[in-house]
């Protein structure tokens, strides 16, 4: 059986002072890199990252550098269920 994961990285960072949570660092890795490493260690075969403004460009760049597919949430103001 193949495993897949959808990573929700489309938040506006309102509670973090408008900072992109996915790109915050913990040690030498971003949260996104840490989560992807965990997914890969769990044999997750497909990982898709959901991005949105205002952090879409930088989040997409990091995700794609990790070999991940991205999709865009055009209505992030609708909350997580819209991703």
N, C-alpha and C. Protein backbone atom coordinates (compact mmCIF):
# COMPACT_ATOMS: atom_id res chain seq x y z
N UNK A 1 0.84 -1.18 0.00
CA UNK A 1 0.00 0.00 0.00
C UNK A 1 0.89 1.24 0.00
N UNK A 2 0.54 2.20 -0.82
CA UNK A 2 1.28 3.45 -0.95
C UNK A 2 0.69 4.50 -0.02
N UNK A 3 1.56 5.29 0.62
CA UNK A 3 1.11 6.35 1.52
C UNK A 3 1.31 7.71 0.86
N UNK A 4 0.39 8.62 1.17
CA UNK A 4 0.49 10.00 0.67
C UNK A 4 0.21 10.95 1.83
N UNK A 5 0.68 12.18 1.68
CA UNK A 5 0.51 13.19 2.73
C UNK A 5 0.23 14.54 2.08
N UNK A 6 -0.71 15.26 2.66
CA UNK A 6 -0.97 16.64 2.25
C UNK A 6 -0.54 17.53 3.41
N UNK A 7 0.42 18.41 3.14
CA UNK A 7 0.92 19.33 4.16
C UNK A 7 0.27 20.69 3.97
N UNK A 8 -0.45 21.14 4.96
CA UNK A 8 -1.12 22.43 4.88
C UNK A 8 -0.15 23.53 5.30
N UNK A 9 0.30 24.30 4.34
CA UNK A 9 1.25 25.39 4.58
C UNK A 9 0.72 26.69 3.97
N UNK A 10 -0.60 26.85 4.05
CA UNK A 10 -1.25 27.99 3.40
C UNK A 10 -1.67 29.07 4.39
N UNK A 11 -1.22 28.96 5.63
CA UNK A 11 -1.61 29.93 6.63
C UNK A 11 -0.97 31.30 6.42
N UNK A 12 -1.60 32.30 6.97
CA UNK A 12 -1.10 33.66 6.85
C UNK A 12 -0.13 34.02 7.96
N UNK A 13 -0.02 33.17 8.96
CA UNK A 13 0.90 33.43 10.06
C UNK A 13 0.43 34.52 11.00
N UNK A 14 -0.87 34.70 11.12
CA UNK A 14 -1.42 35.79 11.92
C UNK A 14 -0.98 35.71 13.38
N UNK A 15 -0.96 34.51 13.96
CA UNK A 15 -0.58 34.38 15.36
C UNK A 15 0.94 34.38 15.55
N UNK A 16 1.68 34.38 14.44
CA UNK A 16 3.14 34.37 14.50
C UNK A 16 3.72 35.70 14.01
N UNK A 17 2.93 36.75 14.04
CA UNK A 17 3.41 38.06 13.59
C UNK A 17 3.61 38.11 12.10
N UNK A 18 2.74 37.44 11.35
CA UNK A 18 2.76 37.38 9.87
C UNK A 18 3.94 36.57 9.33
N UNK A 19 4.59 35.77 10.17
CA UNK A 19 5.70 34.94 9.71
C UNK A 19 5.17 33.60 9.22
N UNK A 20 5.83 33.05 8.25
CA UNK A 20 5.44 31.77 7.66
C UNK A 20 5.88 30.64 8.58
N UNK A 21 4.92 29.95 9.18
CA UNK A 21 5.25 28.89 10.14
C UNK A 21 6.03 27.75 9.49
N UNK A 22 5.70 27.41 8.26
CA UNK A 22 6.38 26.30 7.58
C UNK A 22 7.87 26.56 7.39
N UNK A 23 8.25 27.83 7.35
CA UNK A 23 9.64 28.17 7.09
C UNK A 23 10.41 28.61 8.34
N UNK A 24 9.76 28.56 9.50
CA UNK A 24 10.48 28.81 10.74
C UNK A 24 11.48 27.68 10.94
N UNK A 25 12.59 27.99 11.57
CA UNK A 25 13.61 26.96 11.77
C UNK A 25 13.59 26.42 13.19
N UNK A 26 13.92 25.15 13.26
CA UNK A 26 14.11 24.45 14.52
C UNK A 26 15.44 23.73 14.36
N UNK A 27 16.46 24.23 15.03
CA UNK A 27 17.81 23.72 14.78
C UNK A 27 18.28 24.22 13.42
N UNK A 28 18.70 23.30 12.58
CA UNK A 28 19.22 23.70 11.27
C UNK A 28 18.21 23.48 10.14
N UNK A 29 17.00 23.03 10.46
CA UNK A 29 15.99 22.75 9.44
C UNK A 29 14.74 23.59 9.65
N UNK A 30 14.03 23.86 8.55
CA UNK A 30 12.73 24.50 8.67
C UNK A 30 11.72 23.46 9.15
N UNK A 31 10.58 23.93 9.64
CA UNK A 31 9.52 23.00 10.02
C UNK A 31 9.14 22.14 8.82
N UNK A 32 9.06 22.75 7.64
CA UNK A 32 8.69 22.01 6.45
C UNK A 32 9.69 20.88 6.18
N UNK A 33 10.98 21.19 6.27
CA UNK A 33 12.01 20.16 6.05
C UNK A 33 11.91 19.04 7.08
N UNK A 34 11.64 19.40 8.33
CA UNK A 34 11.53 18.41 9.39
C UNK A 34 10.34 17.49 9.16
N UNK A 35 9.20 18.07 8.78
CA UNK A 35 8.00 17.27 8.52
C UNK A 35 8.22 16.35 7.33
N UNK A 36 8.84 16.86 6.28
CA UNK A 36 9.12 16.05 5.09
C UNK A 36 10.05 14.90 5.43
N UNK A 37 11.07 15.16 6.23
CA UNK A 37 11.98 14.09 6.66
C UNK A 37 11.23 13.00 7.41
N UNK A 38 10.32 13.42 8.28
CA UNK A 38 9.51 12.45 9.03
C UNK A 38 8.62 11.63 8.10
N UNK A 39 8.00 12.31 7.14
CA UNK A 39 7.15 11.61 6.17
C UNK A 39 7.96 10.58 5.38
N UNK A 40 9.10 10.98 4.92
CA UNK A 40 9.94 10.08 4.13
C UNK A 40 10.42 8.90 4.97
N UNK A 41 10.74 9.13 6.23
CA UNK A 41 11.15 8.05 7.12
C UNK A 41 10.01 7.06 7.35
N UNK A 42 8.77 7.55 7.21
CA UNK A 42 7.59 6.70 7.37
C UNK A 42 7.14 6.10 6.03
N UNK A 43 8.00 6.19 5.02
CA UNK A 43 7.75 5.61 3.69
C UNK A 43 6.56 6.24 2.97
N UNK A 44 6.33 7.53 3.24
CA UNK A 44 5.30 8.26 2.50
C UNK A 44 5.85 8.51 1.10
N UNK A 45 5.12 8.07 0.09
CA UNK A 45 5.60 8.13 -1.29
C UNK A 45 5.29 9.46 -1.99
N UNK A 46 4.14 10.02 -1.68
CA UNK A 46 3.73 11.27 -2.34
C UNK A 46 3.42 12.32 -1.29
N UNK A 47 4.03 13.48 -1.43
CA UNK A 47 3.80 14.59 -0.51
C UNK A 47 3.42 15.81 -1.33
N UNK A 48 2.29 16.39 -0.99
CA UNK A 48 1.80 17.60 -1.67
C UNK A 48 1.70 18.70 -0.62
N UNK A 49 2.22 19.86 -0.94
CA UNK A 49 2.19 21.01 -0.04
C UNK A 49 1.18 22.02 -0.55
N UNK A 50 0.25 22.40 0.30
CA UNK A 50 -0.74 23.43 -0.04
C UNK A 50 -0.18 24.78 0.38
N UNK A 51 -0.10 25.71 -0.56
CA UNK A 51 0.43 27.04 -0.30
C UNK A 51 -0.61 28.10 -0.62
N UNK A 52 -0.41 29.30 -0.07
CA UNK A 52 -1.30 30.44 -0.35
C UNK A 52 -0.55 31.72 -0.01
N UNK A 53 -1.08 32.81 -0.49
CA UNK A 53 -0.52 34.13 -0.17
C UNK A 53 -0.75 34.40 1.30
N UNK A 54 0.13 35.09 1.98
CA UNK A 54 1.21 35.89 1.43
C UNK A 54 2.56 35.17 1.34
N UNK A 55 2.61 33.89 1.71
CA UNK A 55 3.89 33.18 1.77
C UNK A 55 4.04 32.13 0.67
N UNK A 56 3.20 32.18 -0.34
CA UNK A 56 3.19 31.13 -1.36
C UNK A 56 4.51 30.98 -2.10
N UNK A 57 5.10 32.08 -2.52
CA UNK A 57 6.31 32.00 -3.34
C UNK A 57 7.47 31.37 -2.60
N UNK A 58 7.75 31.82 -1.38
CA UNK A 58 8.88 31.28 -0.64
C UNK A 58 8.62 29.85 -0.18
N UNK A 59 7.39 29.55 0.22
CA UNK A 59 7.07 28.18 0.64
C UNK A 59 7.16 27.23 -0.55
N UNK A 60 6.63 27.63 -1.70
CA UNK A 60 6.71 26.81 -2.90
C UNK A 60 8.17 26.57 -3.29
N UNK A 61 9.01 27.59 -3.20
CA UNK A 61 10.42 27.44 -3.57
C UNK A 61 11.11 26.39 -2.70
N UNK A 62 10.87 26.44 -1.39
CA UNK A 62 11.49 25.44 -0.50
C UNK A 62 10.91 24.06 -0.77
N UNK A 63 9.59 23.98 -0.92
CA UNK A 63 8.96 22.68 -1.18
C UNK A 63 9.48 22.06 -2.47
N UNK A 64 9.56 22.84 -3.52
CA UNK A 64 10.04 22.31 -4.79
C UNK A 64 11.52 21.94 -4.72
N UNK A 65 12.30 22.65 -3.90
CA UNK A 65 13.71 22.28 -3.75
C UNK A 65 13.85 20.93 -3.04
N UNK A 66 12.81 20.53 -2.33
CA UNK A 66 12.79 19.23 -1.66
C UNK A 66 12.16 18.15 -2.55
N UNK A 67 11.81 18.53 -3.78
CA UNK A 67 11.22 17.57 -4.71
C UNK A 67 9.74 17.32 -4.49
N UNK A 68 9.05 18.28 -3.88
CA UNK A 68 7.63 18.11 -3.57
C UNK A 68 6.75 18.81 -4.60
N UNK A 69 5.54 18.30 -4.74
CA UNK A 69 4.53 18.96 -5.56
C UNK A 69 3.79 19.97 -4.68
N UNK A 70 3.33 21.04 -5.30
CA UNK A 70 2.56 22.07 -4.58
C UNK A 70 1.24 22.31 -5.28
N UNK A 71 0.29 22.74 -4.50
CA UNK A 71 -0.98 23.20 -5.03
C UNK A 71 -1.32 24.50 -4.30
N UNK A 72 -2.10 25.35 -4.95
CA UNK A 72 -2.40 26.67 -4.41
C UNK A 72 -3.82 26.71 -3.87
N UNK A 73 -3.98 27.21 -2.66
CA UNK A 73 -5.30 27.45 -2.08
C UNK A 73 -5.67 28.89 -2.39
N UNK A 74 -6.64 29.06 -3.27
CA UNK A 74 -7.04 30.41 -3.70
C UNK A 74 -7.89 31.13 -2.66
N UNK A 75 -8.39 30.41 -1.64
CA UNK A 75 -9.24 31.04 -0.63
C UNK A 75 -8.80 30.67 0.78
N UNK A 76 -7.58 31.03 1.17
CA UNK A 76 -7.12 30.66 2.51
C UNK A 76 -7.93 31.29 3.64
N UNK A 77 -8.60 32.38 3.34
CA UNK A 77 -9.42 33.03 4.37
C UNK A 77 -10.59 32.16 4.82
N UNK A 78 -10.87 31.10 4.06
CA UNK A 78 -11.94 30.16 4.41
C UNK A 78 -11.49 29.15 5.47
N UNK A 79 -10.22 29.17 5.84
CA UNK A 79 -9.72 28.28 6.88
C UNK A 79 -9.17 26.99 6.31
N UNK A 80 -8.72 26.11 7.22
CA UNK A 80 -8.06 24.88 6.82
C UNK A 80 -8.92 23.98 5.94
N UNK A 81 -10.21 24.00 6.14
CA UNK A 81 -11.07 23.12 5.35
C UNK A 81 -11.06 23.48 3.87
N UNK A 82 -10.64 24.70 3.53
CA UNK A 82 -10.58 25.08 2.12
C UNK A 82 -9.33 24.55 1.44
N UNK A 83 -8.36 24.10 2.23
CA UNK A 83 -7.14 23.54 1.65
C UNK A 83 -7.38 22.13 1.20
